Amino acid sequence: DFSEIKRVMQTWIDTHLDHKMILHKNDPILPTFQQMNEPYYLMDA
């Protein structure tokens, strides 16, 4: 059901990626984001 894809995947994307900075886990700007309490999602790649 299309609504099942939306329920699961839209929820995951909204929670983890939407309106977030997607950064490499070693990005040197990460401490600044943490200090300013800015939303981000970390990737290994």
PDB file of all heavy atoms in Angstrom:
ATOM      1  N   ASP A   1       0.842  -1.190   0.000  1.00  0.00           N
ATOM      2  CA  ASP A   1       0.000   0.000   0.000  1.00  0.00           C
ATOM      3  C   ASP A   1       0.884   1.249   0.000  1.00  0.00           C
ATOM      4  O   ASP A   1       1.819   1.357   0.797  1.00  0.00           O
ATOM      5  CB  ASP A   1      -0.891  -0.024   1.251  1.00  0.00           C
ATOM      6  CG  ASP A   1      -2.004   1.002   1.215  1.00  0.00           C
ATOM      7  OD1 ASP A   1      -1.794   2.099   0.663  1.00  0.00           O
ATOM      8  OD2 ASP A   1      -3.079   0.703   1.755  1.00  0.00           O
ATOM      9  N   PHE A   2       0.603   2.180  -0.896  1.00  0.00           N
ATOM     10  CA  PHE A   2       1.371   3.431  -0.947  1.00  0.00           C
ATOM     11  C   PHE A   2       1.400   4.126   0.411  1.00  0.00           C
ATOM     12  O   PHE A   2       2.401   4.711   0.795  1.00  0.00           O
ATOM     13  CB  PHE A   2       0.791   4.396  -1.989  1.00  0.00           C
ATOM     14  CG  PHE A   2       0.991   3.957  -3.407  1.00  0.00           C
ATOM     15  CD1 PHE A   2      -0.091   3.609  -4.191  1.00  0.00           C
ATOM     16  CD2 PHE A   2       2.259   3.914  -3.963  1.00  0.00           C
ATOM     17  CE1 PHE A   2       0.085   3.221  -5.509  1.00  0.00           C
ATOM     18  CE2 PHE A   2       2.449   3.524  -5.284  1.00  0.00           C
ATOM     19  CZ  PHE A   2       1.361   3.169  -6.055  1.00  0.00           C
ATOM     20  N   SER A   3       0.286   4.045   1.137  1.00  0.00           N
ATOM     21  CA  SER A   3       0.227   4.713   2.434  1.00  0.00           C
ATOM     22  C   SER A   3       1.174   4.074   3.446  1.00  0.00           C
ATOM     23  O   SER A   3       1.647   4.740   4.364  1.00  0.00           O
ATOM     24  CB  SER A   3      -1.207   4.738   2.983  1.00  0.00           C
ATOM     25  OG  SER A   3      -1.663   3.432   3.249  1.00  0.00           O
ATOM     26  N   GLU A   4       1.490   2.788   3.283  1.00  0.00           N
ATOM     27  CA  GLU A   4       2.435   2.121   4.174  1.00  0.00           C
ATOM     28  C   GLU A   4       3.862   2.603   3.898  1.00  0.00           C
ATOM     29  O   GLU A   4       4.641   2.832   4.827  1.00  0.00           O
ATOM     30  CB  GLU A   4       2.340   0.596   4.012  1.00  0.00           C
ATOM     31  CG  GLU A   4       3.225  -0.171   4.945  1.00  0.00           C
ATOM     32  CD  GLU A   4       2.858  -0.044   6.419  1.00  0.00           C
ATOM     33  OE1 GLU A   4       1.811   0.547   6.765  1.00  0.00           O
ATOM     34  OE2 GLU A   4       3.643  -0.538   7.241  1.00  0.00           O
ATOM     35  N   ILE A   5       4.193   2.788   2.627  1.00  0.00           N
ATOM     36  CA  ILE A   5       5.505   3.350   2.287  1.00  0.00           C
ATOM     37  C   ILE A   5       5.611   4.745   2.890  1.00  0.00           C
ATOM     38  O   ILE A   5       6.621   5.090   3.513  1.00  0.00           O
ATOM     39  CB  ILE A   5       5.715   3.410   0.762  1.00  0.00           C
ATOM     40  CG1 ILE A   5       5.597   2.028   0.122  1.00  0.00           C
ATOM     41  CG2 ILE A   5       7.090   4.021   0.440  1.00  0.00           C
ATOM     42  CD1 ILE A   5       5.515   2.054  -1.391  1.00  0.00           C
ATOM     43  N   LYS A   6       4.554   5.529   2.719  1.00  0.00           N
ATOM     44  CA  LYS A   6       4.563   6.884   3.267  1.00  0.00           C
ATOM     45  C   LYS A   6       4.678   6.850   4.787  1.00  0.00           C
ATOM     46  O   LYS A   6       5.493   7.582   5.365  1.00  0.00           O
ATOM     47  CB  LYS A   6       3.292   7.633   2.867  1.00  0.00           C
ATOM     48  CG  LYS A   6       3.213   9.026   3.442  1.00  0.00           C
ATOM     49  CD  LYS A   6       1.923   9.730   3.086  1.00  0.00           C
ATOM     50  CE  LYS A   6       1.887  11.105   3.728  1.00  0.00           C
ATOM     51  NZ  LYS A   6       0.635  11.795   3.462  1.00  0.00           N
ATOM     52  N   ARG A   7       3.891   6.013   5.440  1.00  0.00           N
ATOM     53  CA  ARG A   7       3.885   5.973   6.907  1.00  0.00           C
ATOM     54  C   ARG A   7       5.284   5.666   7.450  1.00  0.00           C
ATOM     55  O   ARG A   7       5.769   6.338   8.357  1.00  0.00           O
ATOM     56  CB  ARG A   7       2.898   4.921   7.407  1.00  0.00           C
ATOM     57  CG  ARG A   7       2.785   4.862   8.936  1.00  0.00           C
ATOM     58  CD  ARG A   7       1.899   3.720   9.399  1.00  0.00           C
ATOM     59  NE  ARG A   7       2.481   2.404   9.152  1.00  0.00           N
ATOM     60  CZ  ARG A   7       3.458   1.867   9.896  1.00  0.00           C
ATOM     61  NH1 ARG A   7       3.965   2.520  10.912  1.00  0.00           N
ATOM     62  NH2 ARG A   7       3.912   0.659   9.610  1.00  0.00           N
ATOM     63  N   VAL A   8       5.940   4.705   6.879  1.00  0.00           N
ATOM     64  CA  VAL A   8       7.243   4.278   7.384  1.00  0.00           C
ATOM     65  C   VAL A   8       8.361   5.187   6.886  1.00  0.00           C
ATOM     66  O   VAL A   8       9.136   5.742   7.678  1.00  0.00           O
ATOM     67  CB  VAL A   8       7.524   2.813   6.984  1.00  0.00           C
ATOM     68  CG1 VAL A   8       8.945   2.409   7.364  1.00  0.00           C
ATOM     69  CG2 VAL A   8       6.504   1.887   7.640  1.00  0.00           C
ATOM     70  N   MET A   9       8.449   5.364   5.583  1.00  0.00           N
ATOM     71  CA  MET A   9       9.611   6.061   5.017  1.00  0.00           C
ATOM     72  C   MET A   9       9.511   7.575   5.162  1.00  0.00           C
ATOM     73  O   MET A   9      10.508   8.239   5.426  1.00  0.00           O
ATOM     74  CB  MET A   9       9.819   5.652   3.559  1.00  0.00           C
ATOM     75  CG  MET A   9      10.179   4.179   3.393  1.00  0.00           C
ATOM     76  SD  MET A   9      11.597   3.635   4.400  1.00  0.00           S
ATOM     77  CE  MET A   9      12.906   4.675   3.756  1.00  0.00           C
ATOM     78  N   GLN A  10       8.329   8.138   4.989  1.00  0.00           N
ATOM     79  CA  GLN A  10       8.177   9.580   5.195  1.00  0.00           C
ATOM     80  C   GLN A  10       8.480   9.929   6.651  1.00  0.00           C
ATOM     81  O   GLN A  10       9.152  10.918   6.932  1.00  0.00           O
ATOM     82  CB  GLN A  10       6.761  10.038   4.841  1.00  0.00           C
ATOM     83  CG  GLN A  10       6.531  11.521   5.052  1.00  0.00           C
ATOM     84  CD  GLN A  10       6.813  12.333   3.809  1.00  0.00           C
ATOM     85  OE1 GLN A  10       6.322  12.009   2.736  1.00  0.00           O
ATOM     86  NE2 GLN A  10       7.593  13.376   3.936  1.00  0.00           N
ATOM     87  N   THR A  11       8.011   9.097   7.568  1.00  0.00           N
ATOM     88  CA  THR A  11       8.287   9.333   8.985  1.00  0.00           C
ATOM     89  C   THR A  11       9.783   9.283   9.260  1.00  0.00           C
ATOM     90  O   THR A  11      10.326  10.149   9.955  1.00  0.00           O
ATOM     91  CB  THR A  11       7.534   8.300   9.861  1.00  0.00           C
ATOM     92  OG1 THR A  11       6.138   8.455   9.636  1.00  0.00           O
ATOM     93  CG2 THR A  11       7.852   8.493  11.336  1.00  0.00           C
ATOM     94  N   TRP A  12      10.473   8.280   8.701  1.00  0.00           N
ATOM     95  CA  TRP A  12      11.919   8.170   8.930  1.00  0.00           C
ATOM     96  C   TRP A  12      12.650   9.373   8.336  1.00  0.00           C
ATOM     97  O   TRP A  12      13.508   9.980   8.990  1.00  0.00           O
ATOM     98  CB  TRP A  12      12.481   6.865   8.361  1.00  0.00           C
ATOM     99  CG  TRP A  12      13.899   6.677   8.785  1.00  0.00           C
ATOM    100  CD1 TRP A  12      14.327   6.054   9.920  1.00  0.00           C
ATOM    101  CD2 TRP A  12      15.071   7.161   8.113  1.00  0.00           C
ATOM    102  NE1 TRP A  12      15.693   6.123   9.999  1.00  0.00           N
ATOM    103  CE2 TRP A  12      16.178   6.799   8.903  1.00  0.00           C
ATOM    104  CE3 TRP A  12      15.292   7.866   6.948  1.00  0.00           C
ATOM    105  CZ2 TRP A  12      17.495   7.107   8.550  1.00  0.00           C
ATOM    106  CZ3 TRP A  12      16.600   8.189   6.590  1.00  0.00           C
ATOM    107  CH2 TRP A  12      17.682   7.809   7.387  1.00  0.00           C
ATOM    108  N   ILE A  13      12.324   9.738   7.110  1.00  0.00           N
ATOM    109  CA  ILE A  13      12.982  10.874   6.459  1.00  0.00           C
ATOM    110  C   ILE A  13      12.682  12.166   7.212  1.00  0.00           C
ATOM    111  O   ILE A  13      13.583  12.970   7.457  1.00  0.00           O
ATOM    112  CB  ILE A  13      12.591  10.951   4.973  1.00  0.00           C
ATOM    113  CG1 ILE A  13      13.281   9.802   4.209  1.00  0.00           C
ATOM    114  CG2 ILE A  13      12.960  12.306   4.372  1.00  0.00           C
ATOM    115  CD1 ILE A  13      12.825   9.634   2.774  1.00  0.00           C
ATOM    116  N   ASP A  14      11.423  12.371   7.592  1.00  0.00           N
ATOM    117  CA  ASP A  14      11.065  13.585   8.344  1.00  0.00           C
ATOM    118  C   ASP A  14      11.830  13.665   9.668  1.00  0.00           C
ATOM    119  O   ASP A  14      12.275  14.739  10.068  1.00  0.00           O
ATOM    120  CB  ASP A  14       9.563  13.635   8.620  1.00  0.00           C
ATOM    121  CG  ASP A  14       8.739  13.995   7.400  1.00  0.00           C
ATOM    122  OD1 ASP A  14       9.317  14.387   6.370  1.00  0.00           O
ATOM    123  OD2 ASP A  14       7.505  13.879   7.485  1.00  0.00           O
ATOM    124  N   THR A  15      11.983  12.552  10.329  1.00  0.00           N
ATOM    125  CA  THR A  15      12.659  12.517  11.625  1.00  0.00           C
ATOM    126  C   THR A  15      14.172  12.689  11.498  1.00  0.00           C
ATOM    127  O   THR A  15      14.780  13.408  12.292  1.00  0.00           O
ATOM    128  CB  THR A  15      12.350  11.185  12.344  1.00  0.00           C
ATOM    129  OG1 THR A  15      10.942  11.072  12.512  1.00  0.00           O
ATOM    130  CG2 THR A  15      13.044  11.118  13.698  1.00  0.00           C
ATOM    131  N   HIS A  16      14.779  12.049  10.516  1.00  0.00           N
ATOM    132  CA  HIS A  16      16.234  11.985  10.446  1.00  0.00           C
ATOM    133  C   HIS A  16      16.894  12.924   9.440  1.00  0.00           C
ATOM    134  O   HIS A  16      18.034  13.339   9.666  1.00  0.00           O
ATOM    135  CB  HIS A  16      16.669  10.549  10.155  1.00  0.00           C
ATOM    136  CG  HIS A  16      16.333   9.610  11.254  1.00  0.00           C
ATOM    137  ND1 HIS A  16      15.166   8.895  11.278  1.00  0.00           N
ATOM    138  CD2 HIS A  16      16.994   9.295  12.389  1.00  0.00           C
ATOM    139  CE1 HIS A  16      15.130   8.167  12.379  1.00  0.00           C
ATOM    140  NE2 HIS A  16      16.229   8.387  13.069  1.00  0.00           N
ATOM    141  N   LEU A  17      16.232  13.233   8.338  1.00  0.00           N
ATOM    142  CA  LEU A  17      16.892  13.998   7.274  1.00  0.00           C
ATOM    143  C   LEU A  17      16.278  15.359   6.982  1.00  0.00           C
ATOM    144  O   LEU A  17      16.999  16.292   6.611  1.00  0.00           O
ATOM    145  CB  LEU A  17      16.911  13.181   5.971  1.00  0.00           C
ATOM    146  CG  LEU A  17      17.555  11.800   6.029  1.00  0.00           C
ATOM    147  CD1 LEU A  17      17.484  11.136   4.659  1.00  0.00           C
ATOM    148  CD2 LEU A  17      18.978  11.868   6.533  1.00  0.00           C
ATOM    149  N   ASP A  18      14.968  15.485   7.118  1.00  0.00           N
ATOM    150  CA  ASP A  18      14.297  16.718   6.707  1.00  0.00           C
ATOM    151  C   ASP A  18      14.734  17.905   7.572  1.00  0.00           C
ATOM    152  O   ASP A  18      14.731  17.823   8.802  1.00  0.00           O
ATOM    153  CB  ASP A  18      12.780  16.553   6.786  1.00  0.00           C
ATOM    154  CG  ASP A  18      12.043  17.734   6.179  1.00  0.00           C
ATOM    155  OD1 ASP A  18      12.428  18.184   5.086  1.00  0.00           O
ATOM    156  OD2 ASP A  18      11.088  18.216   6.809  1.00  0.00           O
ATOM    157  N   HIS A  19      15.121  18.978   6.910  1.00  0.00           N
ATOM    158  CA  HIS A  19      15.585  20.205   7.555  1.00  0.00           C
ATOM    159  C   HIS A  19      16.757  19.958   8.505  1.00  0.00           C
ATOM    160  O   HIS A  19      16.852  20.558   9.563  1.00  0.00           O
ATOM    161  CB  HIS A  19      14.434  20.944   8.250  1.00  0.00           C
ATOM    162  CG  HIS A  19      13.563  21.646   7.261  1.00  0.00           C
ATOM    163  ND1 HIS A  19      12.553  20.984   6.601  1.00  0.00           N
ATOM    164  CD2 HIS A  19      13.572  22.908   6.806  1.00  0.00           C
ATOM    165  CE1 HIS A  19      11.946  21.833   5.779  1.00  0.00           C
ATOM    166  NE2 HIS A  19      12.559  23.014   5.878  1.00  0.00           N
ATOM    167  N   LYS A  20      17.621  19.049   8.082  1.00  0.00           N
ATOM    168  CA  LYS A  20      18.836  18.761   8.834  1.00  0.00           C
ATOM    169  C   LYS A  20      20.041  18.949   7.899  1.00  0.00           C
ATOM    170  O   LYS A  20      19.919  18.850   6.684  1.00  0.00           O
ATOM    171  CB  LYS A  20      18.838  17.316   9.331  1.00  0.00           C
ATOM    172  CG  LYS A  20      17.624  16.934  10.141  1.00  0.00           C
ATOM    173  CD  LYS A  20      17.972  16.610  11.537  1.00  0.00           C
ATOM    174  CE  LYS A  20      16.865  16.120  12.423  1.00  0.00           C
ATOM    175  NZ  LYS A  20      15.511  16.249  12.076  1.00  0.00           N
ATOM    176  N   MET A  21      21.196  19.207   8.505  1.00  0.00           N
ATOM    177  CA  MET A  21      22.450  19.170   7.766  1.00  0.00           C
ATOM    178  C   MET A  21      22.931  17.729   7.806  1.00  0.00           C
ATOM    179  O   MET A  21      23.075  17.144   8.884  1.00  0.00           O
ATOM    180  CB  MET A  21      23.503  20.089   8.393  1.00  0.00           C
ATOM    181  CG  MET A  21      23.214  21.554   8.202  1.00  0.00           C
ATOM    182  SD  MET A  21      23.113  22.095   6.475  1.00  0.00           S
ATOM    183  CE  MET A  21      24.784  21.891   5.946  1.00  0.00           C
ATOM    184  N   ILE A  22      23.142  17.151   6.644  1.00  0.00           N
ATOM    185  CA  ILE A  22      23.647  15.791   6.554  1.00  0.00           C
ATOM    186  C   ILE A  22      25.164  15.913   6.390  1.00  0.00           C
ATOM    187  O   ILE A  22      25.651  16.454   5.392  1.00  0.00           O
ATOM    188  CB  ILE A  22      23.007  15.027   5.379  1.00  0.00           C
ATOM    189  CG1 ILE A  22      21.479  15.043   5.521  1.00  0.00           C
ATOM    190  CG2 ILE A  22      23.539  13.606   5.316  1.00  0.00           C
ATOM    191  CD1 ILE A  22      20.730  14.458   4.326  1.00  0.00           C
ATOM    192  N   LEU A  23      25.888  15.435   7.394  1.00  0.00           N
ATOM    193  CA  LEU A  23      27.329  15.640   7.456  1.00  0.00           C
ATOM    194  C   LEU A  23      28.072  14.318   7.575  1.00  0.00           C
ATOM    195  O   LEU A  23      27.554  13.348   8.129  1.00  0.00           O
ATOM    196  CB  LEU A  23      27.687  16.501   8.672  1.00  0.00           C
ATOM    197  CG  LEU A  23      27.057  17.887   8.762  1.00  0.00           C
ATOM    198  CD1 LEU A  23      27.327  18.500  10.128  1.00  0.00           C
ATOM    199  CD2 LEU A  23      27.582  18.774   7.648  1.00  0.00           C
ATOM    200  N   HIS A  24      29.314  14.305   7.093  1.00  0.00           N
ATOM    201  CA  HIS A  24      30.208  13.185   7.344  1.00  0.00           C
ATOM    202  C   HIS A  24      30.551  13.210   8.827  1.00  0.00           C
ATOM    203  O   HIS A  24      30.709  14.286   9.420  1.00  0.00           O
ATOM    204  CB  HIS A  24      31.471  13.320   6.489  1.00  0.00           C
ATOM    205  CG  HIS A  24      32.380  12.151   6.606  1.00  0.00           C
ATOM    206  ND1 HIS A  24      33.206  11.967   7.683  1.00  0.00           N
ATOM    207  CD2 HIS A  24      32.587  11.102   5.772  1.00  0.00           C
ATOM    208  CE1 HIS A  24      33.894  10.858   7.526  1.00  0.00           C
ATOM    209  NE2 HIS A  24      33.531  10.305   6.372  1.00  0.00           N
ATOM    210  N   LYS A  25      30.680  12.048   9.436  1.00  0.00           N
ATOM    211  CA  LYS A  25      30.920  11.979  10.881  1.00  0.00           C
ATOM    212  C   LYS A  25      32.218  12.665  11.303  1.00  0.00           C
ATOM    213  O   LYS A  25      32.372  13.037  12.463  1.00  0.00           O
ATOM    214  CB  LYS A  25      30.918  10.526  11.352  1.00  0.00           C
ATOM    215  CG  LYS A  25      32.072   9.697  10.808  1.00  0.00           C
ATOM    216  CD  LYS A  25      32.007   8.273  11.296  1.00  0.00           C
ATOM    217  CE  LYS A  25      33.183   7.482  10.743  1.00  0.00           C
ATOM    218  NZ  LYS A  25      33.120   6.090  11.176  1.00  0.00           N
ATOM    219  N   ASN A  26      33.152  12.877  10.368  1.00  0.00           N
ATOM    220  CA  ASN A  26      34.416  13.556  10.677  1.00  0.00           C
ATOM    221  C   ASN A  26      34.435  15.010  10.230  1.00  0.00           C
ATOM    222  O   ASN A  26      35.497  15.630  10.202  1.00  0.00           O
ATOM    223  CB  ASN A  26      35.590  12.806  10.046  1.00  0.00           C
ATOM    224  CG  ASN A  26      35.748  11.415  10.613  1.00  0.00           C
ATOM    225  OD1 ASN A  26      35.430  11.169  11.769  1.00  0.00           O
ATOM    226  ND2 ASN A  26      36.218  10.491   9.791  1.00  0.00           N
ATOM    227  N   ASP A  27      33.283  15.567   9.881  1.00  0.00           N
ATOM    228  CA  ASP A  27      33.254  16.959   9.426  1.00  0.00           C
ATOM    229  C   ASP A  27      33.703  17.869  10.572  1.00  0.00           C
ATOM    230  O   ASP A  27      33.147  17.808  11.670  1.00  0.00           O
ATOM    231  CB  ASP A  27      31.842  17.344   8.967  1.00  0.00           C
ATOM    232  CG  ASP A  27      31.821  18.636   8.182  1.00  0.00           C
ATOM    233  OD1 ASP A  27      32.402  19.631   8.660  1.00  0.00           O
ATOM    234  OD2 ASP A  27      31.216  18.654   7.093  1.00  0.00           O
ATOM    235  N   PRO A  28      34.689  18.719  10.320  1.00  0.00           N
ATOM    236  CA  PRO A  28      35.185  19.577  11.399  1.00  0.00           C
ATOM    237  C   PRO A  28      34.185  20.623  11.885  1.00  0.00           C
ATOM    238  O   PRO A  28      34.396  21.223  12.944  1.00  0.00           O
ATOM    239  CB  PRO A  28      36.426  20.241  10.789  1.00  0.00           C
ATOM    240  CG  PRO A  28      36.292  20.088   9.326  1.00  0.00           C
ATOM    241  CD  PRO A  28      35.446  18.863   9.089  1.00  0.00           C
ATOM    242  N   ILE A  29      33.093  20.828  11.172  1.00  0.00           N
ATOM    243  CA  ILE A  29      32.089  21.793  11.628  1.00  0.00           C
ATOM    244  C   ILE A  29      31.139  21.191  12.666  1.00  0.00           C
ATOM    245  O   ILE A  29      30.381  21.909  13.310  1.00  0.00           O
ATOM    246  CB  ILE A  29      31.295  22.379  10.435  1.00  0.00           C
ATOM    247  CG1 ILE A  29      30.695  23.715  10.845  1.00  0.00           C
ATOM    248  CG2 ILE A  29      30.211  21.418   9.960  1.00  0.00           C
ATOM    249  CD1 ILE A  29      30.270  24.567   9.694  1.00  0.00           C
ATOM    250  N   LEU A  30      31.199  19.888  12.877  1.00  0.00           N
ATOM    251  CA  LEU A  30      30.279  19.209  13.782  1.00  0.00           C
ATOM    252  C   LEU A  30      30.259  19.819  15.190  1.00  0.00           C
ATOM    253  O   LEU A  30      29.164  20.044  15.726  1.00  0.00           O
ATOM    254  CB  LEU A  30      30.584  17.714  13.837  1.00  0.00           C
ATOM    255  CG  LEU A  30      29.666  16.874  14.715  1.00  0.00           C
ATOM    256  CD1 LEU A  30      28.201  17.012  14.297  1.00  0.00           C
ATOM    257  CD2 LEU A  30      30.099  15.422  14.679  1.00  0.00           C
ATOM    258  N   PRO A  31      31.402  20.131  15.820  1.00  0.00           N
ATOM    259  CA  PRO A  31      31.334  20.740  17.161  1.00  0.00           C
ATOM    260  C   PRO A  31      30.556  22.056  17.194  1.00  0.00           C
ATOM    261  O   PRO A  31      29.858  22.345  18.170  1.00  0.00           O
ATOM    262  CB  PRO A  31      32.802  20.953  17.536  1.00  0.00           C
ATOM    263  CG  PRO A  31      33.542  19.935  16.727  1.00  0.00           C
ATOM    264  CD  PRO A  31      32.774  19.825  15.438  1.00  0.00           C
ATOM    265  N   THR A  32      30.630  22.822  16.111  1.00  0.00           N
ATOM    266  CA  THR A  32      29.872  24.072  16.040  1.00  0.00           C
ATOM    267  C   THR A  32      28.380  23.787  16.006  1.00  0.00           C
ATOM    268  O   THR A  32      27.594  24.445  16.695  1.00  0.00           O
ATOM    269  CB  THR A  32      30.303  24.899  14.815  1.00  0.00           C
ATOM    270  OG1 THR A  32      31.701  25.134  14.889  1.00  0.00           O
ATOM    271  CG2 THR A  32      29.542  26.206  14.736  1.00  0.00           C
ATOM    272  N   PHE A  33      27.969  22.811  15.216  1.00  0.00           N
ATOM    273  CA  PHE A  33      26.558  22.429  15.162  1.00  0.00           C
ATOM    274  C   PHE A  33      26.080  21.945  16.524  1.00  0.00           C
ATOM    275  O   PHE A  33      24.986  22.284  16.965  1.00  0.00           O
ATOM    276  CB  PHE A  33      26.334  21.352  14.090  1.00  0.00           C
ATOM    277  CG  PHE A  33      26.074  21.919  12.731  1.00  0.00           C
ATOM    278  CD1 PHE A  33      27.106  22.459  11.982  1.00  0.00           C
ATOM    279  CD2 PHE A  33      24.800  21.924  12.210  1.00  0.00           C
ATOM    280  CE1 PHE A  33      26.873  22.999  10.741  1.00  0.00           C
ATOM    281  CE2 PHE A  33      24.558  22.459  10.953  1.00  0.00           C
ATOM    282  CZ  PHE A  33      25.591  23.003  10.223  1.00  0.00           C
ATOM    283  N   GLN A  34      26.905  21.153  17.185  1.00  0.00           N
ATOM    284  CA  GLN A  34      26.541  20.647  18.507  1.00  0.00           C
ATOM    285  C   GLN A  34      26.428  21.789  19.517  1.00  0.00           C
ATOM    286  O   GLN A  34      25.483  21.843  20.303  1.00  0.00           O
ATOM    287  CB  GLN A  34      27.563  19.609  18.971  1.00  0.00           C
ATOM    288  CG  GLN A  34      27.508  18.343  18.150  1.00  0.00           C
ATOM    289  CD  GLN A  34      28.676  17.416  18.390  1.00  0.00           C
ATOM    290  OE1 GLN A  34      29.786  17.840  18.704  1.00  0.00           O
ATOM    291  NE2 GLN A  34      28.434  16.111  18.224  1.00  0.00           N
ATOM    292  N   GLN A  35      27.382  22.697  19.492  1.00  0.00           N
ATOM    293  CA  GLN A  35      27.390  23.827  20.427  1.00  0.00           C
ATOM    294  C   GLN A  35      26.168  24.719  20.227  1.00  0.00           C
ATOM    295  O   GLN A  35      25.586  25.222  21.187  1.00  0.00           O
ATOM    296  CB  GLN A  35      28.673  24.642  20.247  1.00  0.00           C
ATOM    297  CG  GLN A  35      28.781  25.838  21.168  1.00  0.00           C
ATOM    298  CD  GLN A  35      30.047  26.650  20.896  1.00  0.00           C
ATOM    299  OE1 GLN A  35      30.692  26.505  19.857  1.00  0.00           O
ATOM    300  NE2 GLN A  35      30.382  27.515  21.827  1.00  0.00           N
ATOM    301  N   MET A  36      25.766  24.911  18.978  1.00  0.00           N
ATOM    302  CA  MET A  36      24.637  25.781  18.668  1.00  0.00           C
ATOM    303  C   MET A  36      23.300  25.040  18.693  1.00  0.00           C
ATOM    304  O   MET A  36      22.257  25.614  18.391  1.00  0.00           O
ATOM    305  CB  MET A  36      24.860  26.443  17.307  1.00  0.00           C
ATOM    306  CG  MET A  36      26.084  27.340  17.289  1.00  0.00           C
ATOM    307  SD  MET A  36      26.317  28.141  15.697  1.00  0.00           S
ATOM    308  CE  MET A  36      24.935  29.255  15.703  1.00  0.00           C
ATOM    309  N   ASN A  37      23.346  23.740  19.011  1.00  0.00           N
ATOM    310  CA  ASN A  37      22.148  22.908  19.051  1.00  0.00           C
ATOM    311  C   ASN A  37      21.394  22.913  17.719  1.00  0.00           C
ATOM    312  O   ASN A  37      20.160  22.950  17.672  1.00  0.00           O
ATOM    313  CB  ASN A  37      21.227  23.337  20.204  1.00  0.00           C
ATOM    314  CG  ASN A  37      20.258  22.240  20.593  1.00  0.00           C
ATOM    315  OD1 ASN A  37      20.571  21.064  20.462  1.00  0.00           O
ATOM    316  ND2 ASN A  37      19.080  22.627  21.051  1.00  0.00           N
ATOM    317  N   GLU A  38      22.163  22.870  16.630  1.00  0.00           N
ATOM    318  CA  GLU A  38      21.593  22.817  15.280  1.00  0.00           C
ATOM    319  C   GLU A  38      21.353  21.361  14.890  1.00  0.00           C
ATOM    320  O   GLU A  38      22.126  20.475  15.256  1.00  0.00           O
ATOM    321  CB  GLU A  38      22.541  23.480  14.273  1.00  0.00           C
ATOM    322  CG  GLU A  38      22.602  24.985  14.386  1.00  0.00           C
ATOM    323  CD  GLU A  38      21.311  25.672  14.001  1.00  0.00           C
ATOM    324  OE1 GLU A  38      20.591  25.180  13.103  1.00  0.00           O
ATOM    325  OE2 GLU A  38      21.001  26.702  14.609  1.00  0.00           O
ATOM    326  N   PRO A  39      20.293  21.090  14.127  1.00  0.00           N
ATOM    327  CA  PRO A  39      19.983  19.704  13.756  1.00  0.00           C
ATOM    328  C   PRO A  39      20.913  19.183  12.661  1.00  0.00           C
ATOM    329  O   PRO A  39      21.237  19.894  11.706  1.00  0.00           O
ATOM    330  CB  PRO A  39      18.542  19.785  13.252  1.00  0.00           C
ATOM    331  CG  PRO A  39      18.380  21.189  12.781  1.00  0.00           C
ATOM    332  CD  PRO A  39      19.280  22.032  13.642  1.00  0.00           C
ATOM    333  N   TYR A  40      21.337  17.933  12.816  1.00  0.00           N
ATOM    334  CA  TYR A  40      22.209  17.306  11.826  1.00  0.00           C
ATOM    335  C   TYR A  40      21.978  15.801  11.829  1.00  0.00           C
ATOM    336  O   TYR A  40      21.403  15.246  12.774  1.00  0.00           O
ATOM    337  CB  TYR A  40      23.684  17.609  12.100  1.00  0.00           C
ATOM    338  CG  TYR A  40      24.157  17.154  13.454  1.00  0.00           C
ATOM    339  CD1 TYR A  40      24.643  15.866  13.650  1.00  0.00           C
ATOM    340  CD2 TYR A  40      24.110  18.001  14.551  1.00  0.00           C
ATOM    341  CE1 TYR A  40      25.058  15.436  14.890  1.00  0.00           C
ATOM    342  CE2 TYR A  40      24.532  17.573  15.804  1.00  0.00           C
ATOM    343  CZ  TYR A  40      25.007  16.291  15.969  1.00  0.00           C
ATOM    344  OH  TYR A  40      25.412  15.868  17.195  1.00  0.00           O
ATOM    345  N   TYR A  41      22.428  15.170  10.760  1.00  0.00           N
ATOM    346  CA  TYR A  41      22.425  13.717  10.650  1.00  0.00           C
ATOM    347  C   TYR A  41      23.824  13.329  10.192  1.00  0.00           C
ATOM    348  O   TYR A  41      24.333  13.904   9.227  1.00  0.00           O
ATOM    349  CB  TYR A  41      21.377  13.235   9.636  1.00  0.00           C
ATOM    350  CG  TYR A  41      21.334  11.727   9.525  1.00  0.00           C
ATOM    351  CD1 TYR A  41      20.537  10.976  10.377  1.00  0.00           C
ATOM    352  CD2 TYR A  41      22.112  11.067   8.593  1.00  0.00           C
ATOM    353  CE1 TYR A  41      20.513   9.591  10.289  1.00  0.00           C
ATOM    354  CE2 TYR A  41      22.094   9.689   8.499  1.00  0.00           C
ATOM    355  CZ  TYR A  41      21.299   8.951   9.354  1.00  0.00           C
ATOM    356  OH  TYR A  41      21.285   7.586   9.273  1.00  0.00           O
ATOM    357  N   LEU A  42      24.434  12.378  10.878  1.00  0.00           N
ATOM    358  CA  LEU A  42      25.799  11.983  10.554  1.00  0.00           C
ATOM    359  C   LEU A  42      25.826  10.719   9.704  1.00  0.00           C
ATOM    360  O   LEU A  42      25.077   9.776   9.953  1.00  0.00           O
ATOM    361  CB  LEU A  42      26.610  11.739  11.827  1.00  0.00           C
ATOM    362  CG  LEU A  42      26.837  12.947  12.717  1.00  0.00           C
ATOM    363  CD1 LEU A  42      27.668  12.553  13.927  1.00  0.00           C
ATOM    364  CD2 LEU A  42      27.502  14.078  11.950  1.00  0.00           C
ATOM    365  N   MET A  43      26.728  10.724   8.729  1.00  0.00           N
ATOM    366  CA  MET A  43      26.938   9.568   7.871  1.00  0.00           C
ATOM    367  C   MET A  43      28.390   9.111   7.986  1.00  0.00           C
ATOM    368  O   MET A  43      29.279   9.932   8.236  1.00  0.00           O
ATOM    369  CB  MET A  43      26.631   9.913   6.405  1.00  0.00           C
ATOM    370  CG  MET A  43      25.177  10.232   6.140  1.00  0.00           C
ATOM    371  SD  MET A  43      24.838  10.529   4.383  1.00  0.00           S
ATOM    372  CE  MET A  43      25.174   8.912   3.682  1.00  0.00           C
ATOM    373  N   ASP A  44      28.613   7.823   7.767  1.00  0.00           N
ATOM    374  CA  ASP A  44      29.976   7.288   7.741  1.00  0.00           C
ATOM    375  C   ASP A  44      30.688   7.648   6.442  1.00  0.00           C
ATOM    376  O   ASP A  44      31.911   7.603   6.374  1.00  0.00           O
ATOM    377  CB  ASP A  44      29.961   5.764   7.894  1.00  0.00           C
ATOM    378  CG  ASP A  44      29.529   5.334   9.285  1.00  0.00           C
ATOM    379  OD1 ASP A  44      29.718   6.106  10.246  1.00  0.00           O
ATOM    380  OD2 ASP A  44      28.999   4.215   9.412  1.00  0.00           O
ATOM    381  N   ALA A  45      29.923   8.000   5.427  1.00  0.00           N
ATOM    382  CA  ALA A  45      30.463   8.329   4.108  1.00  0.00           C
ATOM    383  C   ALA A  45      30.167   9.795   3.788  1.00  0.00           C
ATOM    384  O   ALA A  45      29.337  10.430   4.444  1.00  0.00           O
ATOM    385  CB  ALA A  45      29.823   7.434   3.047  1.00  0.00           C
TER     386      ALA A  45
END
